[in-house]
Amino acid sequence: MNYLTAIHTDVGIKKKTNQDSCLIMKAKTDIGDVLLAVVCDGMGGLAKGEVASSNVIKAFSNWFENTLPSIIGGGNIKNEVFNSWENLVLDMNKKISTYGRSQGISLGTTVASLLFVGSEYFIMNIGDSRVYSFSDKVYQLTKDQTFIQREIDSGRMTPEEAEMSSQRNVLLQCVGAIDYINPDYYVGNVVVGQVYMLCSDGFRHVISEQELYEYLNPNVLVDEQTMKNNAAYLTELNKYRREPDNISVILIKVD
């Protein structure tokens, strides 16, 4: 399969530092092209969130170059990918926590990772960065690990109440700022012609799914330049609507 890609990140209108970090890596293998995409959102109000997010991105980059080749040569790709990802984030959680204590600060990051191998994709999610797919409509492939999502799932809060909640950004999981991490994992079939998107929460708060689909559906994203232009346009729309957070998005079209 061939992959068209675009990546766009912006500090936004309020923060002095972009605490988001992003990664796209591609390689040719004996079983076809593989692609890894990761978005990490350094914790908004915590000190040095960019340190946490950038170090997790570096760990994924090293994993892609040094660990994935041996996994592809093995027999159970799904289990080996997820086991190695869990070891990666557990290790980074320990290192970031140790660094934070040594500096007298608190820092952490979300993680949304997406790997295409052959006809399957593999996703890991920690926190509230998201992975979507676009075909006939918008499909959210991950579920937020947040206080309000837990309240919605339990029936104690409606989606409309959640949008107005002052606790909208309270995470239940992140790398670096809690003792125990419990990632969510997802597997699916790669569909030729679909668009996949990873984004930090700053990209989606003030834009509707209808608007996302208008600019990011497969019929519109015909080439990488259009993908880059539309990612930048939606980022500027976020800023125009006064989104206060950093804004990051990765787009992948299976061509």
Protein backbone atom coordinates (compact mmCIF):
# COMPACT_ATOMS: atom_id res chain seq x y z
CA MET A 1 0.00 0.00 0.00
CA ASN A 2 1.03 3.59 -0.56
CA TYR A 3 0.50 6.25 2.08
CA LEU A 4 0.00 9.98 1.55
CA THR A 5 0.83 11.95 4.70
CA ALA A 6 0.70 15.43 6.19
CA ILE A 7 1.67 16.77 9.60
CA HIS A 8 0.94 20.18 11.09
CA THR A 9 1.54 21.56 14.58
CA ASP A 10 1.09 25.06 16.00
CA VAL A 11 1.78 26.68 19.36
CA GLY A 12 -1.62 28.38 19.22
CA ILE A 13 -2.71 31.78 20.47
CA LYS A 14 -2.11 31.54 24.22
CA LYS A 15 0.83 29.34 25.21
CA LYS A 16 4.45 30.38 24.87
CA THR A 17 5.65 26.83 24.21
CA ASN A 18 4.33 24.08 21.96
CA GLN A 19 4.08 21.09 24.28
CA ASP A 20 2.79 18.81 21.50
CA SER A 21 5.18 16.45 19.69
CA CYS A 22 4.44 14.46 16.52
CA LEU A 23 6.04 11.68 14.49
CA ILE A 24 5.58 10.00 11.12
CA MET A 25 7.95 7.23 9.99
CA LYS A 26 7.69 4.97 6.94
CA ALA A 27 9.73 1.98 5.80
CA LYS A 28 9.68 -0.74 3.14
CA THR A 29 9.71 -4.30 4.46
CA ASP A 30 9.38 -7.86 3.16
CA ILE A 31 5.63 -7.69 3.86
CA GLY A 32 5.12 -4.26 2.30
CA ASP A 33 5.28 -0.67 3.43
CA VAL A 34 4.80 0.04 7.14
CA LEU A 35 3.94 3.41 8.68
CA LEU A 36 4.02 4.69 12.26
CA ALA A 37 2.31 7.90 13.39
CA VAL A 38 2.31 9.26 16.96
CA VAL A 39 0.86 12.37 18.58
CA CYS A 40 1.85 13.29 22.16
CA ASP A 41 0.30 16.22 24.01
CA GLY A 42 2.49 17.42 26.87
CA MET A 43 0.31 18.07 29.87
CA GLY A 44 -1.30 21.48 29.52
CA GLY A 45 -0.82 23.09 32.91
CA LEU A 46 2.18 21.10 34.01
CA ALA A 47 5.76 22.35 33.83
CA LYS A 48 7.92 21.20 30.90
CA GLY A 49 5.23 19.16 29.18
CA GLU A 50 7.27 19.43 25.98
CA VAL A 51 10.07 17.44 27.66
CA ALA A 52 7.69 14.57 28.35
CA SER A 53 6.11 14.55 24.87
CA SER A 54 9.37 14.87 22.95
CA ASN A 55 11.06 12.08 24.91
CA VAL A 56 8.17 9.69 24.28
CA ILE A 57 8.35 10.55 20.57
CA LYS A 58 12.09 9.75 20.60
CA ALA A 59 11.34 6.41 22.23
CA PHE A 60 8.84 5.54 19.50
CA SER A 61 11.33 6.58 16.82
CA ASN A 62 13.94 4.24 18.31
CA TRP A 63 11.32 1.49 18.57
CA PHE A 64 10.45 1.82 14.89
CA GLU A 65 14.08 1.58 13.82
CA ASN A 66 15.34 -1.06 16.25
CA THR A 67 12.44 -3.19 17.52
CA LEU A 68 9.79 -3.28 14.79
CA PRO A 69 11.98 -5.11 12.22
CA SER A 70 12.28 -8.15 14.48
CA ILE A 71 8.54 -8.06 15.23
CA ILE A 72 7.65 -8.07 11.54
CA GLY A 73 9.79 -11.16 11.11
CA GLY A 74 7.90 -12.95 13.87
CA GLY A 75 4.62 -14.82 13.94
CA ASN A 76 2.26 -12.79 16.13
CA ILE A 77 2.59 -9.16 15.12
CA LYS A 78 -0.37 -7.83 17.10
CA ASN A 79 0.66 -9.21 20.47
CA GLU A 80 4.31 -8.34 19.97
CA VAL A 81 3.52 -4.76 18.92
CA PHE A 82 1.21 -4.17 21.87
CA ASN A 83 3.53 -5.84 24.38
CA SER A 84 6.51 -3.81 23.20
CA TRP A 85 4.47 -0.58 23.21
CA GLU A 86 3.35 -1.26 26.76
CA ASN A 87 6.94 -1.85 27.84
CA LEU A 88 7.92 1.37 26.07
CA VAL A 89 5.37 3.57 27.84
CA LEU A 90 5.93 1.92 31.21
CA ASP A 91 9.63 2.60 30.86
CA MET A 92 9.01 6.20 29.79
CA ASN A 93 6.55 6.68 32.65
CA LYS A 94 9.25 5.65 35.11
CA LYS A 95 11.92 7.83 33.50
CA ILE A 96 9.71 10.93 33.23
CA SER A 97 8.46 10.53 36.79
CA THR A 98 12.02 10.14 38.08
CA TYR A 99 13.13 13.24 36.14
CA GLY A 100 10.19 15.23 37.46
CA ARG A 101 10.96 14.34 41.07
CA SER A 102 14.62 15.24 40.61
CA GLN A 103 13.62 18.67 39.27
CA GLY A 104 10.77 19.25 41.72
CA ILE A 105 8.24 19.53 38.89
CA SER A 106 5.28 17.58 37.52
CA LEU A 107 5.11 16.71 33.84
CA GLY A 108 3.38 14.20 31.62
CA THR A 109 2.02 13.48 28.17
CA THR A 110 -0.80 11.79 26.32
CA VAL A 111 0.02 9.21 23.63
CA ALA A 112 -1.92 8.25 20.52
CA SER A 113 0.01 5.86 18.27
CA LEU A 114 -1.08 4.27 14.99
CA LEU A 115 0.84 1.59 13.10
CA PHE A 116 -0.02 0.26 9.64
CA VAL A 117 1.37 -3.21 8.87
CA GLY A 118 0.05 -5.07 5.84
CA SER A 119 -3.74 -5.07 5.88
CA GLU A 120 -4.08 -4.20 9.58
CA TYR A 121 -3.67 -1.17 11.80
CA PHE A 122 -2.78 -1.13 15.49
CA ILE A 123 -3.60 1.71 17.89
CA MET A 124 -2.56 2.52 21.45
CA ASN A 125 -4.20 5.37 23.35
CA ILE A 126 -3.32 6.98 26.67
CA GLY A 127 -5.19 10.16 27.58
CA ASP A 128 -7.30 12.32 25.27
CA SER A 129 -5.42 12.67 22.01
CA ARG A 130 -7.48 10.84 19.38
CA VAL A 131 -7.38 8.70 16.26
CA TYR A 132 -10.13 8.99 13.63
CA SER A 133 -10.93 7.53 10.23
CA PHE A 134 -12.82 9.20 7.40
CA SER A 135 -14.77 7.32 4.73
CA ASP A 136 -18.54 7.81 4.30
CA LYS A 137 -18.47 9.75 7.60
CA VAL A 138 -16.21 10.47 10.57
CA TYR A 139 -15.39 7.52 12.83
CA GLN A 140 -13.70 8.07 16.20
CA LEU A 141 -11.45 5.03 16.68
CA THR A 142 -10.29 5.76 20.24
CA LYS A 143 -12.09 6.58 23.46
CA ASP A 144 -10.77 9.34 25.74
CA GLN A 145 -9.32 8.32 29.08
CA THR A 146 -10.82 11.31 30.86
CA PHE A 147 -13.02 12.10 33.84
CA ILE A 148 -15.91 13.30 31.66
CA GLN A 149 -15.76 10.24 29.38
CA ARG A 150 -16.04 8.05 32.48
CA GLU A 151 -19.00 10.11 33.64
CA ILE A 152 -20.68 9.81 30.22
CA ASP A 153 -20.10 6.04 30.15
CA SER A 154 -21.63 5.67 33.61
CA GLY A 155 -24.68 7.77 32.68
CA ARG A 156 -23.89 10.50 35.19
CA MET A 157 -23.26 13.13 32.50
CA THR A 158 -24.63 13.79 29.02
CA PRO A 159 -22.32 14.69 26.10
CA GLU A 160 -23.85 18.16 26.13
CA GLU A 161 -23.06 18.59 29.83
CA ALA A 162 -19.56 17.30 29.20
CA GLU A 163 -18.90 20.02 26.63
CA MET A 164 -19.62 22.67 29.26
CA SER A 165 -17.86 20.95 32.16
CA SER A 166 -14.97 22.70 33.88
CA GLN A 167 -13.41 19.22 34.27
CA ARG A 168 -13.28 18.60 30.52
CA ASN A 169 -9.48 18.39 30.51
CA VAL A 170 -9.05 16.15 33.57
CA LEU A 171 -7.17 13.03 32.45
CA LEU A 172 -7.40 9.62 34.09
CA GLN A 173 -4.28 8.37 32.31
CA CYS A 174 -1.04 9.93 31.07
CA VAL A 175 2.63 9.04 30.82
CA GLY A 176 4.83 10.53 33.53
CA ALA A 177 2.39 11.90 36.07
CA ILE A 178 0.68 8.79 37.50
CA ASP A 179 1.97 5.59 39.10
CA TYR A 180 0.12 3.07 36.95
CA ILE A 181 -0.66 3.26 33.22
CA ASN A 182 -3.42 1.24 31.60
CA PRO A 183 -3.36 1.89 27.82
CA ASP A 184 -6.28 1.12 25.51
CA TYR A 185 -5.53 -0.94 22.39
CA TYR A 186 -7.43 -1.19 19.12
CA VAL A 187 -7.04 -3.30 15.96
CA GLY A 188 -8.70 -2.84 12.58
CA ASN A 189 -8.46 -3.55 8.88
CA VAL A 190 -6.79 -0.96 6.67
CA VAL A 191 -9.14 0.22 3.92
CA VAL A 192 -7.71 1.62 0.69
CA GLY A 193 -9.03 5.12 0.05
CA GLN A 194 -9.71 5.96 3.70
CA VAL A 195 -8.17 8.88 5.56
CA TYR A 196 -6.86 8.43 9.10
CA MET A 197 -6.21 11.30 11.51
CA LEU A 198 -4.35 11.61 14.80
CA CYS A 199 -4.73 14.86 16.73
CA SER A 200 -4.17 16.52 20.08
CA ASP A 201 -7.30 17.74 21.84
CA GLY A 202 -6.53 21.31 20.81
CA PHE A 203 -7.36 20.44 17.21
CA ARG A 204 -10.92 19.27 17.88
CA HIS A 205 -12.53 21.27 20.68
CA VAL A 206 -14.04 24.07 18.63
CA ILE A 207 -14.50 22.33 15.27
CA SER A 208 -17.50 20.09 14.57
CA GLU A 209 -17.31 16.63 13.03
CA GLN A 210 -19.23 18.00 10.05
CA GLU A 211 -16.51 20.60 9.48
CA LEU A 212 -13.79 18.00 9.88
CA TYR A 213 -15.45 15.80 7.28
CA GLU A 214 -15.92 18.70 4.87
CA TYR A 215 -12.16 19.33 4.70
CA LEU A 216 -10.71 15.90 5.46
CA ASN A 217 -12.88 13.36 3.64
CA PRO A 218 -11.16 11.07 1.09
CA ASN A 219 -12.78 12.75 -1.92
CA VAL A 220 -11.25 16.10 -0.94
CA LEU A 221 -7.77 14.95 0.10
CA VAL A 222 -6.52 13.94 -3.33
CA ASP A 223 -2.81 14.68 -2.76
CA GLU A 224 -0.34 15.60 -0.03
CA GLN A 225 -0.40 19.31 -0.82
CA THR A 226 -4.17 19.42 -0.29
CA MET A 227 -3.75 17.47 2.94
CA LYS A 228 -1.17 19.98 4.20
CA ASN A 229 -3.28 22.96 3.13
CA ASN A 230 -6.45 21.69 4.80
CA ALA A 231 -4.63 20.75 8.01
CA ALA A 232 -3.23 24.29 8.15
CA TYR A 233 -6.63 25.82 7.35
CA LEU A 234 -8.38 23.95 10.16
CA THR A 235 -5.57 24.90 12.54
CA GLU A 236 -6.06 28.56 11.69
CA LEU A 237 -9.82 28.12 12.13
CA ASN A 238 -9.16 26.76 15.62
CA LYS A 239 -7.07 29.83 16.41
CA TYR A 240 -9.69 32.19 14.94
CA ARG A 241 -12.25 30.60 17.28
CA ARG A 242 -9.90 31.24 20.23
CA GLU A 243 -8.84 27.68 21.00
CA PRO A 244 -6.28 28.24 23.81
CA ASP A 245 -4.30 25.00 23.52
CA ASN A 246 -1.47 23.84 21.27
CA ILE A 247 -2.83 22.36 18.03
CA SER A 248 -1.44 19.29 16.25
CA VAL A 249 -2.74 16.95 13.53
CA ILE A 250 -1.39 14.10 11.41
CA LEU A 251 -3.25 12.98 8.28
CA ILE A 252 -2.70 9.68 6.44
CA LYS A 253 -4.48 8.59 3.28
CA VAL A 254 -4.20 4.97 2.16
CA ASP A 255 -3.72 5.38 -1.57
